[in-house]
PDB file of all heavy atoms in Angstrom:
ATOM      1  N   PRO A   1      -2.175   9.803  17.144  1.00  0.00           N
ATOM      2  CA  PRO A   1      -3.135   9.008  16.377  1.00  0.00           C
ATOM      3  C   PRO A   1      -2.621   8.753  14.958  1.00  0.00           C
ATOM      4  O   PRO A   1      -2.016   9.616  14.346  1.00  0.00           O
ATOM      5  CB  PRO A   1      -4.409   9.842  16.371  1.00  0.00           C
ATOM      6  CG  PRO A   1      -3.949  11.241  16.638  1.00  0.00           C
ATOM      7  CD  PRO A   1      -2.728  11.135  17.510  1.00  0.00           C
ATOM      8  N   SER A   2      -2.840   7.545  14.520  1.00  0.00           N
ATOM      9  CA  SER A   2      -2.353   7.185  13.163  1.00  0.00           C
ATOM     10  C   SER A   2      -3.223   7.826  12.085  1.00  0.00           C
ATOM     11  O   SER A   2      -4.438   7.907  12.240  1.00  0.00           O
ATOM     12  CB  SER A   2      -2.358   5.663  12.998  1.00  0.00           C
ATOM     13  OG  SER A   2      -3.674   5.157  13.163  1.00  0.00           O
ATOM     14  N   GLN A   3      -2.574   8.266  11.068  1.00  0.00           N
ATOM     15  CA  GLN A   3      -3.285   8.893   9.945  1.00  0.00           C
ATOM     16  C   GLN A   3      -3.753   7.792   8.956  1.00  0.00           C
ATOM     17  O   GLN A   3      -2.983   6.897   8.612  1.00  0.00           O
ATOM     18  CB  GLN A   3      -2.357   9.871   9.216  1.00  0.00           C
ATOM     19  CG  GLN A   3      -1.889  11.021  10.100  1.00  0.00           C
ATOM     20  CD  GLN A   3      -3.046  11.932  10.468  1.00  0.00           C
ATOM     21  OE1 GLN A   3      -3.977  12.099   9.698  1.00  0.00           O
ATOM     22  NE2 GLN A   3      -2.989  12.510  11.665  1.00  0.00           N
ATOM     23  N   PRO A   4      -4.984   7.868   8.534  1.00  0.00           N
ATOM     24  CA  PRO A   4      -5.463   6.873   7.561  1.00  0.00           C
ATOM     25  C   PRO A   4      -4.705   7.005   6.250  1.00  0.00           C
ATOM     26  O   PRO A   4      -4.423   8.107   5.800  1.00  0.00           O
ATOM     27  CB  PRO A   4      -6.937   7.191   7.386  1.00  0.00           C
ATOM     28  CG  PRO A   4      -7.079   8.616   7.794  1.00  0.00           C
ATOM     29  CD  PRO A   4      -6.037   8.859   8.874  1.00  0.00           C
ATOM     30  N   GLN A   5      -4.313   5.880   5.735  1.00  0.00           N
ATOM     31  CA  GLN A   5      -3.572   5.893   4.477  1.00  0.00           C
ATOM     32  C   GLN A   5      -4.521   6.179   3.293  1.00  0.00           C
ATOM     33  O   GLN A   5      -5.578   5.586   3.173  1.00  0.00           O
ATOM     34  CB  GLN A   5      -2.885   4.536   4.247  1.00  0.00           C
ATOM     35  CG  GLN A   5      -1.809   4.244   5.282  1.00  0.00           C
ATOM     36  CD  GLN A   5      -1.114   2.926   4.995  1.00  0.00           C
ATOM     37  OE1 GLN A   5      -1.512   2.197   4.099  1.00  0.00           O
ATOM     38  NE2 GLN A   5      -0.071   2.645   5.767  1.00  0.00           N
ATOM     39  N   GLN A   6      -4.119   7.147   2.477  1.00  0.00           N
ATOM     40  CA  GLN A   6      -4.939   7.518   1.305  1.00  0.00           C
ATOM     41  C   GLN A   6      -4.678   6.537   0.141  1.00  0.00           C
ATOM     42  O   GLN A   6      -3.526   6.199  -0.145  1.00  0.00           O
ATOM     43  CB  GLN A   6      -4.598   8.934   0.857  1.00  0.00           C
ATOM     44  CG  GLN A   6      -4.997   9.985   1.898  1.00  0.00           C
ATOM     45  CD  GLN A   6      -4.714  11.384   1.379  1.00  0.00           C
ATOM     46  OE1 GLN A   6      -4.056  11.531   0.362  1.00  0.00           O
ATOM     47  NE2 GLN A   6      -5.195  12.392   2.092  1.00  0.00           N
ATOM     48  N   GLN A   7      -5.765   6.051  -0.430  1.00  0.00           N
ATOM     49  CA  GLN A   7      -5.669   5.136  -1.575  1.00  0.00           C
ATOM     50  C   GLN A   7      -5.399   5.934  -2.851  1.00  0.00           C
ATOM     51  O   GLN A   7      -6.056   6.938  -3.119  1.00  0.00           O
ATOM     52  CB  GLN A   7      -6.975   4.340  -1.755  1.00  0.00           C
ATOM     53  CG  GLN A   7      -7.308   3.460  -0.552  1.00  0.00           C
ATOM     54  CD  GLN A   7      -6.292   2.361  -0.377  1.00  0.00           C
ATOM     55  OE1 GLN A   7      -5.730   1.868  -1.357  1.00  0.00           O
ATOM     56  NE2 GLN A   7      -6.013   1.979   0.859  1.00  0.00           N
ATOM     57  N   PRO A   8      -4.433   5.539  -3.618  1.00  0.00           N
ATOM     58  CA  PRO A   8      -4.133   6.288  -4.844  1.00  0.00           C
ATOM     59  C   PRO A   8      -5.258   6.115  -5.872  1.00  0.00           C
ATOM     60  O   PRO A   8      -5.806   5.030  -6.022  1.00  0.00           O
ATOM     61  CB  PRO A   8      -2.839   5.641  -5.338  1.00  0.00           C
ATOM     62  CG  PRO A   8      -2.853   4.267  -4.750  1.00  0.00           C
ATOM     63  CD  PRO A   8      -3.544   4.384  -3.425  1.00  0.00           C
ATOM     64  N   TYR A   9      -5.653   7.200  -6.543  1.00  0.00           N
ATOM     65  CA  TYR A   9      -6.680   7.159  -7.581  1.00  0.00           C
ATOM     66  C   TYR A   9      -6.042   6.794  -8.925  1.00  0.00           C
ATOM     67  O   TYR A   9      -4.939   7.267  -9.237  1.00  0.00           O
ATOM     68  CB  TYR A   9      -7.407   8.501  -7.719  1.00  0.00           C
ATOM     69  CG  TYR A   9      -8.237   8.833  -6.492  1.00  0.00           C
ATOM     70  CD1 TYR A   9      -7.740   9.657  -5.491  1.00  0.00           C
ATOM     71  CD2 TYR A   9      -9.530   8.288  -6.359  1.00  0.00           C
ATOM     72  CE1 TYR A   9      -8.504   9.958  -4.369  1.00  0.00           C
ATOM     73  CE2 TYR A   9     -10.298   8.590  -5.234  1.00  0.00           C
ATOM     74  CZ  TYR A   9      -9.785   9.422  -4.241  1.00  0.00           C
ATOM     75  OH  TYR A   9     -10.529   9.701  -3.136  1.00  0.00           O
ATOM     76  N   PRO A  10      -6.747   5.960  -9.722  1.00  0.00           N
ATOM     77  CA  PRO A  10      -6.172   5.610 -11.034  1.00  0.00           C
ATOM     78  C   PRO A  10      -6.084   6.837 -11.938  1.00  0.00           C
ATOM     79  O   PRO A  10      -6.946   7.720 -11.883  1.00  0.00           O
ATOM     80  CB  PRO A  10      -7.155   4.569 -11.590  1.00  0.00           C
ATOM     81  CG  PRO A  10      -8.445   4.828 -10.883  1.00  0.00           C
ATOM     82  CD  PRO A  10      -8.069   5.322  -9.494  1.00  0.00           C
ATOM     83  N   ALA A  11      -5.048   6.852 -12.684  1.00  0.00           N
ATOM     84  CA  ALA A  11      -4.866   7.978 -13.599  1.00  0.00           C
ATOM     85  C   ALA A  11      -5.961   7.959 -14.670  1.00  0.00           C
ATOM     86  O   ALA A  11      -6.347   6.902 -15.154  1.00  0.00           O
ATOM     87  CB  ALA A  11      -3.496   7.895 -14.267  1.00  0.00           C
ATOM     88  N   PRO A  12      -6.515   9.094 -15.028  1.00  0.00           N
ATOM     89  CA  PRO A  12      -7.579   9.147 -16.046  1.00  0.00           C
ATOM     90  C   PRO A  12      -7.074   8.648 -17.392  1.00  0.00           C
ATOM     91  O   PRO A  12      -5.967   8.973 -17.814  1.00  0.00           O
ATOM     92  CB  PRO A  12      -7.959  10.627 -16.095  1.00  0.00           C
ATOM     93  CG  PRO A  12      -6.778  11.356 -15.564  1.00  0.00           C
ATOM     94  CD  PRO A  12      -6.151  10.450 -14.536  1.00  0.00           C
ATOM     95  N   GLN A  13      -7.910   7.815 -18.036  1.00  0.00           N
ATOM     96  CA  GLN A  13      -7.557   7.267 -19.343  1.00  0.00           C
ATOM     97  C   GLN A  13      -7.974   8.260 -20.440  1.00  0.00           C
ATOM     98  O   GLN A  13      -9.029   8.893 -20.366  1.00  0.00           O
ATOM     99  CB  GLN A  13      -8.282   5.930 -19.577  1.00  0.00           C
ATOM    100  CG  GLN A  13      -7.891   4.851 -18.593  1.00  0.00           C
ATOM    101  CD  GLN A  13      -6.445   4.443 -18.769  1.00  0.00           C
ATOM    102  OE1 GLN A  13      -5.929   4.437 -19.886  1.00  0.00           O
ATOM    103  NE2 GLN A  13      -5.774   4.122 -17.664  1.00  0.00           N
ATOM    104  N   PRO A  14      -7.158   8.398 -21.467  1.00  0.00           N
ATOM    105  CA  PRO A  14      -7.531   9.313 -22.554  1.00  0.00           C
ATOM    106  C   PRO A  14      -8.765   8.789 -23.303  1.00  0.00           C
ATOM    107  O   PRO A  14      -8.954   7.595 -23.441  1.00  0.00           O
ATOM    108  CB  PRO A  14      -6.290   9.301 -23.453  1.00  0.00           C
ATOM    109  CG  PRO A  14      -5.595   8.015 -23.145  1.00  0.00           C
ATOM    110  CD  PRO A  14      -5.861   7.749 -21.688  1.00  0.00           C
ATOM    111  N   ALA A  15      -9.625   9.724 -23.707  1.00  0.00           N
ATOM    112  CA  ALA A  15     -10.855   9.344 -24.436  1.00  0.00           C
ATOM    113  C   ALA A  15     -10.501   8.645 -25.741  1.00  0.00           C
ATOM    114  O   ALA A  15      -9.528   9.000 -26.413  1.00  0.00           O
ATOM    115  CB  ALA A  15     -11.696  10.587 -24.721  1.00  0.00           C
ATOM    116  N   GLU A  16     -11.310   7.627 -26.061  1.00  0.00           N
ATOM    117  CA  GLU A  16     -11.059   6.854 -27.277  1.00  0.00           C
ATOM    118  C   GLU A  16     -11.303   7.729 -28.512  1.00  0.00           C
ATOM    119  O   GLU A  16     -12.341   8.385 -28.634  1.00  0.00           O
ATOM    120  CB  GLU A  16     -11.991   5.636 -27.331  1.00  0.00           C
ATOM    121  CG  GLU A  16     -11.759   4.762 -28.544  1.00  0.00           C
ATOM    122  CD  GLU A  16     -12.710   3.578 -28.565  1.00  0.00           C
ATOM    123  OE1 GLU A  16     -13.541   3.471 -27.655  1.00  0.00           O
ATOM    124  OE2 GLU A  16     -12.611   2.776 -29.515  1.00  0.00           O
ATOM    125  N   GLN A  17     -10.362   7.781 -29.397  1.00  0.00           N
ATOM    126  CA  GLN A  17     -10.470   8.571 -30.620  1.00  0.00           C
ATOM    127  C   GLN A  17     -11.139   7.721 -31.712  1.00  0.00           C
ATOM    128  O   GLN A  17     -10.641   6.654 -32.054  1.00  0.00           O
ATOM    129  CB  GLN A  17      -9.079   9.014 -31.077  1.00  0.00           C
ATOM    130  CG  GLN A  17      -8.379   9.946 -30.092  1.00  0.00           C
ATOM    131  CD  GLN A  17      -9.097  11.276 -29.954  1.00  0.00           C
ATOM    132  OE1 GLN A  17      -9.654  11.783 -30.934  1.00  0.00           O
ATOM    133  NE2 GLN A  17      -9.112  11.824 -28.757  1.00  0.00           N
ATOM    134  N   LYS A  18     -12.268   8.199 -32.220  1.00  0.00           N
ATOM    135  CA  LYS A  18     -12.968   7.479 -33.275  1.00  0.00           C
ATOM    136  C   LYS A  18     -12.465   7.933 -34.634  1.00  0.00           C
ATOM    137  O   LYS A  18     -12.263   9.121 -34.872  1.00  0.00           O
ATOM    138  CB  LYS A  18     -14.477   7.709 -33.174  1.00  0.00           C
ATOM    139  CG  LYS A  18     -15.087   7.096 -31.925  1.00  0.00           C
ATOM    140  CD  LYS A  18     -16.588   7.214 -31.929  1.00  0.00           C
ATOM    141  CE  LYS A  18     -17.195   6.531 -30.709  1.00  0.00           C
ATOM    142  NZ  LYS A  18     -18.670   6.606 -30.717  1.00  0.00           N
ATOM    143  N   THR A  19     -12.248   6.989 -35.488  1.00  0.00           N
ATOM    144  CA  THR A  19     -11.731   7.285 -36.818  1.00  0.00           C
ATOM    145  C   THR A  19     -12.850   7.271 -37.857  1.00  0.00           C
ATOM    146  O   THR A  19     -14.001   6.938 -37.547  1.00  0.00           O
ATOM    147  CB  THR A  19     -10.669   6.235 -37.214  1.00  0.00           C
ATOM    148  OG1 THR A  19     -11.273   4.932 -37.206  1.00  0.00           O
ATOM    149  CG2 THR A  19      -9.506   6.260 -36.251  1.00  0.00           C
ATOM    150  N   GLY A  20     -12.503   7.661 -39.066  1.00  0.00           N
ATOM    151  CA  GLY A  20     -13.495   7.701 -40.135  1.00  0.00           C
ATOM    152  C   GLY A  20     -14.075   6.327 -40.438  1.00  0.00           C
ATOM    153  O   GLY A  20     -13.474   5.298 -40.153  1.00  0.00           O
ATOM    154  N   ASN A  21     -15.262   6.329 -41.042  1.00  0.00           N
ATOM    155  CA  ASN A  21     -15.978   5.091 -41.327  1.00  0.00           C
ATOM    156  C   ASN A  21     -16.118   4.936 -42.849  1.00  0.00           C
ATOM    157  O   ASN A  21     -17.020   5.492 -43.486  1.00  0.00           O
ATOM    158  CB  ASN A  21     -17.360   5.125 -40.669  1.00  0.00           C
ATOM    159  CG  ASN A  21     -17.992   3.744 -40.589  1.00  0.00           C
ATOM    160  OD1 ASN A  21     -17.699   2.888 -41.402  1.00  0.00           O
ATOM    161  ND2 ASN A  21     -18.832   3.536 -39.595  1.00  0.00           N
ATOM    162  N   GLY A  22     -15.183   4.182 -43.429  1.00  0.00           N
ATOM    163  CA  GLY A  22     -15.189   4.009 -44.880  1.00  0.00           C
ATOM    164  C   GLY A  22     -16.435   3.311 -45.394  1.00  0.00           C
ATOM    165  O   GLY A  22     -16.993   3.690 -46.444  1.00  0.00           O
ATOM    166  N   LEU A  23     -16.895   2.293 -44.674  1.00  0.00           N
ATOM    167  CA  LEU A  23     -18.104   1.588 -45.104  1.00  0.00           C
ATOM    168  C   LEU A  23     -19.328   2.497 -45.055  1.00  0.00           C
ATOM    169  O   LEU A  23     -20.219   2.419 -45.913  1.00  0.00           O
ATOM    170  CB  LEU A  23     -18.334   0.356 -44.220  1.00  0.00           C
ATOM    171  CG  LEU A  23     -17.520  -0.900 -44.555  1.00  0.00           C
ATOM    172  CD1 LEU A  23     -17.887  -2.031 -43.605  1.00  0.00           C
ATOM    173  CD2 LEU A  23     -17.749  -1.328 -45.994  1.00  0.00           C
ATOM    174  N   GLY A  24     -19.342   3.362 -44.041  1.00  0.00           N
ATOM    175  CA  GLY A  24     -20.455   4.309 -43.930  1.00  0.00           C
ATOM    176  C   GLY A  24     -20.483   5.271 -45.105  1.00  0.00           C
ATOM    177  O   GLY A  24     -21.553   5.558 -45.663  1.00  0.00           O
ATOM    178  N   VAL A  25     -19.311   5.750 -45.500  1.00  0.00           N
ATOM    179  CA  VAL A  25     -19.228   6.648 -46.657  1.00  0.00           C
ATOM    180  C   VAL A  25     -19.653   5.910 -47.927  1.00  0.00           C
ATOM    181  O   VAL A  25     -20.382   6.450 -48.764  1.00  0.00           O
ATOM    182  CB  VAL A  25     -17.801   7.206 -46.807  1.00  0.00           C
ATOM    183  CG1 VAL A  25     -17.685   8.011 -48.093  1.00  0.00           C
ATOM    184  CG2 VAL A  25     -17.429   8.053 -45.602  1.00  0.00           C
TER     185      VAL A  25
END
């Protein structure tokens, strides 16, 4: 019996790094 082909999962994306807010300060 043929084995079902496994679909590759997308690599996890790194979380977006938030920078300081000069206007807020």
